[in-house]
Amino acid sequence: MAYPPLARDPGRAFPDRETAGPSLAWNLTVRDALQRLPPRQRAVIVLRFYDDLTERETAATLGVAIGTVKSQTSDALARLRTLVPDLAASDASVAGMRG
């Protein structure tokens, strides 16, 4: 039975870990920083940037005003930038934190 080329050489089927996405260390750093946020700020960040909800959808999910989502997002991002300086120092975005 003939196998496709990638099946014969499984090592070639996957890109190098460095190019595949954020490193494990980066993911752990961001996860730890998220855990240090107050619960509402953490919820807003997760819903907006991990679950990719709009401000309106996030507000409806949390039962708060859109203005609250905006202010909590702003406050959370500011706090994350102090907890993880590489977020502010590089082109890394919160959306890039997805693992």
C-alpha atoms as a PDB file:
ATOM      1  CA  MET A   1       0.000   0.000   0.000  1.00  0.00           C
ATOM      2  CA  ALA A   2       1.385   3.405  -0.945  1.00  0.00           C
ATOM      3  CA  TYR A   3       1.247   6.188   1.622  1.00  0.00           C
ATOM      4  CA  PRO A   4       1.161   9.892   0.873  1.00  0.00           C
ATOM      5  CA  PRO A   5       4.584  11.537   1.257  1.00  0.00           C
ATOM      6  CA  LEU A   6       3.741  13.206   4.577  1.00  0.00           C
ATOM      7  CA  ALA A   7       2.565   9.917   6.074  1.00  0.00           C
ATOM      8  CA  ARG A   8       5.930   8.290   5.321  1.00  0.00           C
ATOM      9  CA  ASP A   9       7.831  11.085   7.031  1.00  0.00           C
ATOM     10  CA  PRO A  10       5.738  12.268   9.984  1.00  0.00           C
ATOM     11  CA  GLY A  11       8.405  14.763  11.029  1.00  0.00           C
ATOM     12  CA  ARG A  12       7.713  16.786   7.918  1.00  0.00           C
ATOM     13  CA  ALA A  13       3.981  16.977   8.576  1.00  0.00           C
ATOM     14  CA  PHE A  14       4.339  19.508  11.380  1.00  0.00           C
ATOM     15  CA  PRO A  15       6.055  22.889  11.338  1.00  0.00           C
ATOM     16  CA  ASP A  16       8.766  23.696  13.827  1.00  0.00           C
ATOM     17  CA  ARG A  17       7.376  24.595  17.237  1.00  0.00           C
ATOM     18  CA  GLU A  18       8.900  28.064  17.000  1.00  0.00           C
ATOM     19  CA  THR A  19       6.870  28.864  13.879  1.00  0.00           C
ATOM     20  CA  ALA A  20       3.712  27.024  14.914  1.00  0.00           C
ATOM     21  CA  GLY A  21       2.586  29.654  17.407  1.00  0.00           C
ATOM     22  CA  PRO A  22       3.302  30.991  20.869  1.00  0.00           C
ATOM     23  CA  SER A  23       5.745  29.011  22.957  1.00  0.00           C
ATOM     24  CA  LEU A  24       4.706  27.102  26.041  1.00  0.00           C
ATOM     25  CA  ALA A  25       6.615  29.591  28.199  1.00  0.00           C
ATOM     26  CA  TRP A  26       4.727  32.494  26.603  1.00  0.00           C
ATOM     27  CA  ASN A  27       1.376  30.745  27.083  1.00  0.00           C
ATOM     28  CA  LEU A  28       2.166  30.101  30.753  1.00  0.00           C
ATOM     29  CA  THR A  29       3.261  33.697  31.277  1.00  0.00           C
ATOM     30  CA  VAL A  30       0.059  35.047  29.777  1.00  0.00           C
ATOM     31  CA  ARG A  31      -2.101  32.535  31.648  1.00  0.00           C
ATOM     32  CA  ASP A  32      -0.492  33.530  34.934  1.00  0.00           C
ATOM     33  CA  ALA A  33      -1.029  37.218  34.144  1.00  0.00           C
ATOM     34  CA  LEU A  34      -4.684  36.574  33.311  1.00  0.00           C
ATOM     35  CA  GLN A  35      -5.119  34.805  36.649  1.00  0.00           C
ATOM     36  CA  ARG A  36      -3.900  37.953  38.401  1.00  0.00           C
ATOM     37  CA  LEU A  37      -6.644  40.096  36.869  1.00  0.00           C
ATOM     38  CA  PRO A  38      -9.856  40.720  38.785  1.00  0.00           C
ATOM     39  CA  PRO A  39     -12.597  38.268  37.682  1.00  0.00           C
ATOM     40  CA  ARG A  40     -14.603  40.765  35.604  1.00  0.00           C
ATOM     41  CA  GLN A  41     -11.520  42.022  33.739  1.00  0.00           C
ATOM     42  CA  ARG A  42     -10.411  38.451  33.085  1.00  0.00           C
ATOM     43  CA  ALA A  43     -13.891  37.574  31.800  1.00  0.00           C
ATOM     44  CA  VAL A  44     -13.915  40.545  29.435  1.00  0.00           C
ATOM     45  CA  ILE A  45     -10.473  39.695  28.029  1.00  0.00           C
ATOM     46  CA  VAL A  46     -11.367  36.045  27.521  1.00  0.00           C
ATOM     47  CA  LEU A  47     -14.700  36.811  25.879  1.00  0.00           C
ATOM     48  CA  ARG A  48     -13.335  39.587  23.658  1.00  0.00           C
ATOM     49  CA  PHE A  49     -10.004  38.121  22.586  1.00  0.00           C
ATOM     50  CA  TYR A  50     -10.223  34.367  23.065  1.00  0.00           C
ATOM     51  CA  ASP A  51     -13.896  33.819  22.221  1.00  0.00           C
ATOM     52  CA  ASP A  52     -13.802  36.700  19.704  1.00  0.00           C
ATOM     53  CA  LEU A  53     -17.061  38.282  20.876  1.00  0.00           C
ATOM     54  CA  THR A  54     -17.960  41.853  20.002  1.00  0.00           C
ATOM     55  CA  GLU A  55     -18.314  44.476  22.719  1.00  0.00           C
ATOM     56  CA  ARG A  56     -22.094  44.162  22.421  1.00  0.00           C
ATOM     57  CA  GLU A  57     -21.998  40.341  22.698  1.00  0.00           C
ATOM     58  CA  THR A  58     -19.625  40.541  25.655  1.00  0.00           C
ATOM     59  CA  ALA A  59     -21.882  43.034  27.408  1.00  0.00           C
ATOM     60  CA  ALA A  60     -24.916  40.812  26.855  1.00  0.00           C
ATOM     61  CA  THR A  61     -23.066  37.733  28.070  1.00  0.00           C
ATOM     62  CA  LEU A  62     -21.942  39.462  31.263  1.00  0.00           C
ATOM     63  CA  GLY A  63     -25.158  41.431  31.760  1.00  0.00           C
ATOM     64  CA  VAL A  64     -23.372  44.798  31.798  1.00  0.00           C
ATOM     65  CA  ALA A  65     -23.352  47.961  29.679  1.00  0.00           C
ATOM     66  CA  ILE A  66     -21.118  48.257  26.632  1.00  0.00           C
ATOM     67  CA  GLY A  67     -19.316  51.121  28.376  1.00  0.00           C
ATOM     68  CA  THR A  68     -18.425  48.736  31.206  1.00  0.00           C
ATOM     69  CA  VAL A  69     -16.961  46.283  28.704  1.00  0.00           C
ATOM     70  CA  LYS A  70     -14.889  49.085  27.168  1.00  0.00           C
ATOM     71  CA  SER A  71     -13.569  50.365  30.491  1.00  0.00           C
ATOM     72  CA  GLN A  72     -12.875  46.872  31.838  1.00  0.00           C
ATOM     73  CA  THR A  73     -11.046  45.977  28.623  1.00  0.00           C
ATOM     74  CA  SER A  74      -8.947  49.133  28.822  1.00  0.00           C
ATOM     75  CA  ASP A  75      -8.108  48.552  32.488  1.00  0.00           C
ATOM     76  CA  ALA A  76      -7.322  44.876  31.904  1.00  0.00           C
ATOM     77  CA  LEU A  77      -5.029  45.579  28.961  1.00  0.00           C
ATOM     78  CA  ALA A  78      -3.174  48.228  30.959  1.00  0.00           C
ATOM     79  CA  ARG A  79      -2.704  45.758  33.815  1.00  0.00           C
ATOM     80  CA  LEU A  80      -1.563  42.998  31.450  1.00  0.00           C
ATOM     81  CA  ARG A  81       1.021  45.362  29.952  1.00  0.00           C
ATOM     82  CA  THR A  82       2.495  45.922  33.401  1.00  0.00           C
ATOM     83  CA  LEU A  83       2.388  42.210  34.288  1.00  0.00           C
ATOM     84  CA  VAL A  84       3.828  41.122  30.923  1.00  0.00           C
ATOM     85  CA  PRO A  85       6.027  43.975  29.651  1.00  0.00           C
ATOM     86  CA  ASP A  86       6.674  42.107  26.396  1.00  0.00           C
ATOM     87  CA  LEU A  87       3.058  42.819  25.423  1.00  0.00           C
ATOM     88  CA  ALA A  88       3.822  46.535  25.336  1.00  0.00           C
ATOM     89  CA  ALA A  89       7.429  46.232  24.146  1.00  0.00           C
ATOM     90  CA  SER A  90       6.689  44.144  21.066  1.00  0.00           C
ATOM     91  CA  ASP A  91       4.049  43.871  18.391  1.00  0.00           C
ATOM     92  CA  ALA A  92       2.433  41.058  20.392  1.00  0.00           C
ATOM     93  CA  SER A  93      -1.278  41.533  20.792  1.00  0.00           C
ATOM     94  CA  VAL A  94      -3.763  40.058  23.187  1.00  0.00           C
ATOM     95  CA  ALA A  95      -5.291  38.217  20.274  1.00  0.00           C
ATOM     96  CA  GLY A  96      -1.880  36.633  19.770  1.00  0.00           C
ATOM     97  CA  MET A  97      -2.150  35.091  23.196  1.00  0.00           C
ATOM     98  CA  ARG A  98      -4.401  32.352  21.901  1.00  0.00           C
ATOM     99  CA  GLY A  99      -2.700  29.065  22.207  1.00  0.00           C
END
